[in-house]
């Protein structure tokens, strides 16, 4: 089975949460859908977020159909990487950045994953070993200390690993009761706006 990566820039300096919502909404009705969806910060005159998606496809024709469907639902610019070929839909000026993020996710070096294989199994308190064995996550890393395979992680039902150095990595920090928790939470408080 061949995996097809596509980089999608909806345009307009959008925040990651808006890009997440629009991409996931567009993909809800797809049979099977992508097995990976990640967000990226992109460089342009107005910085913003974009997304990458990965589909399993056996043929170039099926891959082109995925790309056309996603582009039709979202607009903007889409670059699909299939083996050694690239398909560009939309603004050719935005294509290099879309190709860069798609290549980064394909290589496992960039992207914050909001959909990935095994994600549905990561609910409640799980050992690091269970997280790695039941999902696409390759490593669980602490910030400045080693994490053991028997350490327990309270996922809080929200897991957003990142691609780093060819691996999908879940970053964790300490919590009450000797547990670990993912560094990213579903509802982060806004430190500088006066709301906590």
Protein backbone atom coordinates (compact mmCIF):
# COMPACT_ATOMS: atom_id res chain seq x y z
CA UNK A 1 0.00 0.00 0.00
CA UNK A 2 1.31 3.42 -0.97
CA UNK A 3 0.86 6.38 1.35
CA UNK A 4 0.04 9.71 -0.19
CA UNK A 5 0.81 12.95 1.65
CA UNK A 6 -0.81 16.27 0.81
CA UNK A 7 0.05 19.72 2.14
CA UNK A 8 -2.92 22.09 2.31
CA UNK A 9 -2.76 25.86 2.82
CA UNK A 10 -6.25 27.30 3.19
CA UNK A 11 -4.70 30.78 3.20
CA UNK A 12 -5.35 33.95 5.11
CA UNK A 13 -3.10 33.58 8.18
CA UNK A 14 -5.50 31.22 9.95
CA UNK A 15 -4.89 29.91 13.45
CA UNK A 16 -4.21 26.20 13.92
CA UNK A 17 -7.56 25.59 15.63
CA UNK A 18 -9.46 26.97 12.62
CA UNK A 19 -7.38 24.92 10.19
CA UNK A 20 -7.99 21.80 12.32
CA UNK A 21 -11.72 22.40 12.33
CA UNK A 22 -12.00 23.05 8.60
CA UNK A 23 -9.85 20.09 7.59
CA UNK A 24 -11.54 17.62 9.96
CA UNK A 25 -15.00 18.84 8.91
CA UNK A 26 -14.07 18.39 5.24
CA UNK A 27 -12.84 14.85 5.91
CA UNK A 28 -15.78 13.65 8.07
CA UNK A 29 -17.72 12.16 5.18
CA UNK A 30 -14.78 10.46 3.48
CA UNK A 31 -14.94 6.68 3.49
CA UNK A 32 -11.88 5.58 5.44
CA UNK A 33 -10.47 9.10 5.53
CA UNK A 34 -6.85 9.92 6.19
CA UNK A 35 -4.92 8.03 8.83
CA UNK A 36 -2.76 11.05 9.69
CA UNK A 37 -3.72 14.72 9.90
CA UNK A 38 -1.20 17.26 11.18
CA UNK A 39 -0.96 21.03 11.51
CA UNK A 40 2.05 23.18 10.69
CA UNK A 41 3.08 26.81 11.03
CA UNK A 42 3.92 28.18 7.62
CA UNK A 43 6.08 31.09 6.56
CA UNK A 44 4.47 33.74 4.38
CA UNK A 45 3.70 37.46 4.50
CA UNK A 46 0.92 36.72 7.02
CA UNK A 47 2.10 33.68 9.05
CA UNK A 48 -0.53 31.10 9.77
CA UNK A 49 -1.26 27.42 9.99
CA UNK A 50 -1.67 24.80 7.32
CA UNK A 51 -2.24 21.06 7.40
CA UNK A 52 -0.94 17.80 6.02
CA UNK A 53 -3.00 14.68 5.49
CA UNK A 54 -1.98 11.12 4.67
CA UNK A 55 -4.14 8.71 2.72
CA UNK A 56 -3.52 5.11 1.81
CA UNK A 57 -3.82 4.65 -1.94
CA UNK A 58 -2.89 1.80 -4.22
CA UNK A 59 -2.99 3.82 -7.46
CA UNK A 60 -2.04 7.29 -8.67
CA UNK A 61 -5.62 7.75 -9.94
CA UNK A 62 -7.09 7.11 -6.48
CA UNK A 63 -4.52 9.49 -4.96
CA UNK A 64 -5.45 12.22 -7.44
CA UNK A 65 -9.10 11.68 -6.52
CA UNK A 66 -8.30 12.19 -2.81
CA UNK A 67 -6.40 15.39 -3.63
CA UNK A 68 -9.16 16.78 -5.85
CA UNK A 69 -11.82 16.02 -3.23
CA UNK A 70 -9.86 17.71 -0.45
CA UNK A 71 -9.05 20.71 -2.64
CA UNK A 72 -12.71 20.98 -3.66
CA UNK A 73 -13.78 21.00 -0.01
CA UNK A 74 -11.18 23.47 1.25
CA UNK A 75 -9.91 25.58 -1.64
CA UNK A 76 -6.61 27.38 -1.06
CA UNK A 77 -3.61 25.46 -2.34
CA UNK A 78 -2.89 21.75 -2.16
CA UNK A 79 0.24 19.84 -3.11
CA UNK A 80 0.00 16.05 -3.14
CA UNK A 81 3.17 13.97 -3.02
CA UNK A 82 2.76 10.49 -4.50
CA UNK A 83 6.00 8.54 -4.80
CA UNK A 84 8.20 10.82 -6.96
CA UNK A 85 5.37 12.90 -8.42
CA UNK A 86 3.67 16.06 -7.16
CA UNK A 87 0.21 17.31 -8.06
CA UNK A 88 -0.41 21.04 -7.50
CA UNK A 89 -3.94 22.43 -7.19
CA UNK A 90 -4.48 26.14 -6.54
CA UNK A 91 -2.01 29.01 -6.21
CA UNK A 92 1.40 28.05 -7.64
CA UNK A 93 3.05 30.70 -5.43
CA UNK A 94 1.90 28.83 -2.29
CA UNK A 95 2.85 25.41 -3.69
CA UNK A 96 6.48 25.31 -2.45
CA UNK A 97 5.41 25.77 1.18
CA UNK A 98 2.69 23.12 0.81
CA UNK A 99 5.23 20.74 -0.71
CA UNK A 100 7.67 21.49 2.14
CA UNK A 101 5.19 20.62 4.89
CA UNK A 102 3.97 17.51 3.07
CA UNK A 103 7.57 16.34 2.68
CA UNK A 104 8.24 17.13 6.36
CA UNK A 105 5.35 15.00 7.54
CA UNK A 106 6.21 12.22 5.10
CA UNK A 107 9.78 12.18 6.49
CA UNK A 108 8.49 12.33 10.07
CA UNK A 109 10.28 15.59 10.90
CA UNK A 110 7.50 18.16 11.19
CA UNK A 111 3.84 18.42 12.10
CA UNK A 112 1.58 18.28 15.14
CA UNK A 113 -0.73 15.26 14.70
CA UNK A 114 -4.39 15.55 15.53
CA UNK A 115 -5.32 12.27 13.82
CA UNK A 116 -3.09 9.19 13.75
CA UNK A 117 -3.49 5.40 13.84
CA UNK A 118 -4.47 4.03 17.26
CA UNK A 119 -5.58 7.41 18.60
CA UNK A 120 -8.96 6.02 19.65
CA UNK A 121 -7.22 3.61 22.07
CA UNK A 122 -5.48 6.40 24.00
CA UNK A 123 -8.13 7.10 26.63
CA UNK A 124 -7.64 7.16 30.40
CA UNK A 125 -4.50 6.18 32.30
CA UNK A 126 -2.13 4.05 30.23
CA UNK A 127 1.44 2.88 30.56
CA UNK A 128 3.99 4.28 28.16
CA UNK A 129 4.37 0.73 26.83
CA UNK A 130 0.61 0.56 26.08
CA UNK A 131 0.66 3.93 24.31
CA UNK A 132 3.49 2.84 22.04
CA UNK A 133 2.14 -0.64 21.36
CA UNK A 134 -1.44 0.44 20.58
CA UNK A 135 -0.83 3.55 18.46
CA UNK A 136 1.45 5.10 15.85
CA UNK A 137 3.34 6.94 18.62
CA UNK A 138 6.98 5.82 18.55
CA UNK A 139 8.23 7.52 21.72
CA UNK A 140 7.00 9.21 24.88
CA UNK A 141 9.45 11.84 26.12
CA UNK A 142 9.63 13.89 29.27
CA UNK A 143 10.90 17.44 29.28
CA UNK A 144 14.37 17.00 30.71
CA UNK A 145 14.10 13.50 32.23
CA UNK A 146 13.84 9.95 30.96
CA UNK A 147 10.44 8.29 30.74
CA UNK A 148 10.21 4.58 31.56
CA UNK A 149 7.94 2.12 29.75
CA UNK A 150 6.06 1.37 32.99
CA UNK A 151 5.36 5.05 33.75
CA UNK A 152 1.66 5.92 33.67
CA UNK A 153 0.21 8.68 31.48
CA UNK A 154 -3.23 10.19 32.10
CA UNK A 155 -4.16 11.02 28.51
CA UNK A 156 -7.17 13.09 29.58
CA UNK A 157 -8.64 11.97 26.24
CA UNK A 158 -6.48 14.46 24.33
CA UNK A 159 -3.22 13.35 22.71
CA UNK A 160 -1.34 15.49 20.17
CA UNK A 161 2.07 13.99 19.35
CA UNK A 162 4.54 15.71 17.05
CA UNK A 163 6.85 14.44 14.35
CA UNK A 164 10.50 14.77 15.42
CA UNK A 165 13.60 13.26 13.81
CA UNK A 166 11.64 10.58 11.96
CA UNK A 167 9.48 9.56 14.93
CA UNK A 168 6.01 10.40 16.23
CA UNK A 169 6.66 11.69 19.75
CA UNK A 170 4.29 12.41 22.64
CA UNK A 171 5.77 15.02 25.00
CA UNK A 172 4.67 14.65 28.63
CA UNK A 173 5.09 16.44 31.95
CA UNK A 174 4.53 15.54 35.62
CA UNK A 175 1.09 15.58 37.25
CA UNK A 176 -0.37 14.82 40.68
CA UNK A 177 -0.14 11.30 42.03
CA UNK A 178 3.05 10.42 40.15
CA UNK A 179 1.27 10.39 36.80
CA UNK A 180 2.42 11.99 33.59
CA UNK A 181 0.16 14.03 31.31
CA UNK A 182 0.56 15.22 27.72
CA UNK A 183 2.12 18.68 27.56
CA UNK A 184 -0.70 19.92 25.34
CA UNK A 185 -4.13 20.07 26.91
CA UNK A 186 -7.55 20.25 25.29
CA UNK A 187 -8.31 23.58 26.92
CA UNK A 188 -5.12 25.53 27.61
CA UNK A 189 -5.52 28.64 29.71
CA UNK A 190 -4.39 31.89 28.18
CA UNK A 191 -1.57 33.17 30.36
CA UNK A 192 -1.29 36.76 29.23
CA UNK A 193 -4.90 37.70 28.59
CA UNK A 194 -6.09 37.75 32.19
CA UNK A 195 -8.22 34.63 31.83
CA UNK A 196 -7.10 31.60 33.84
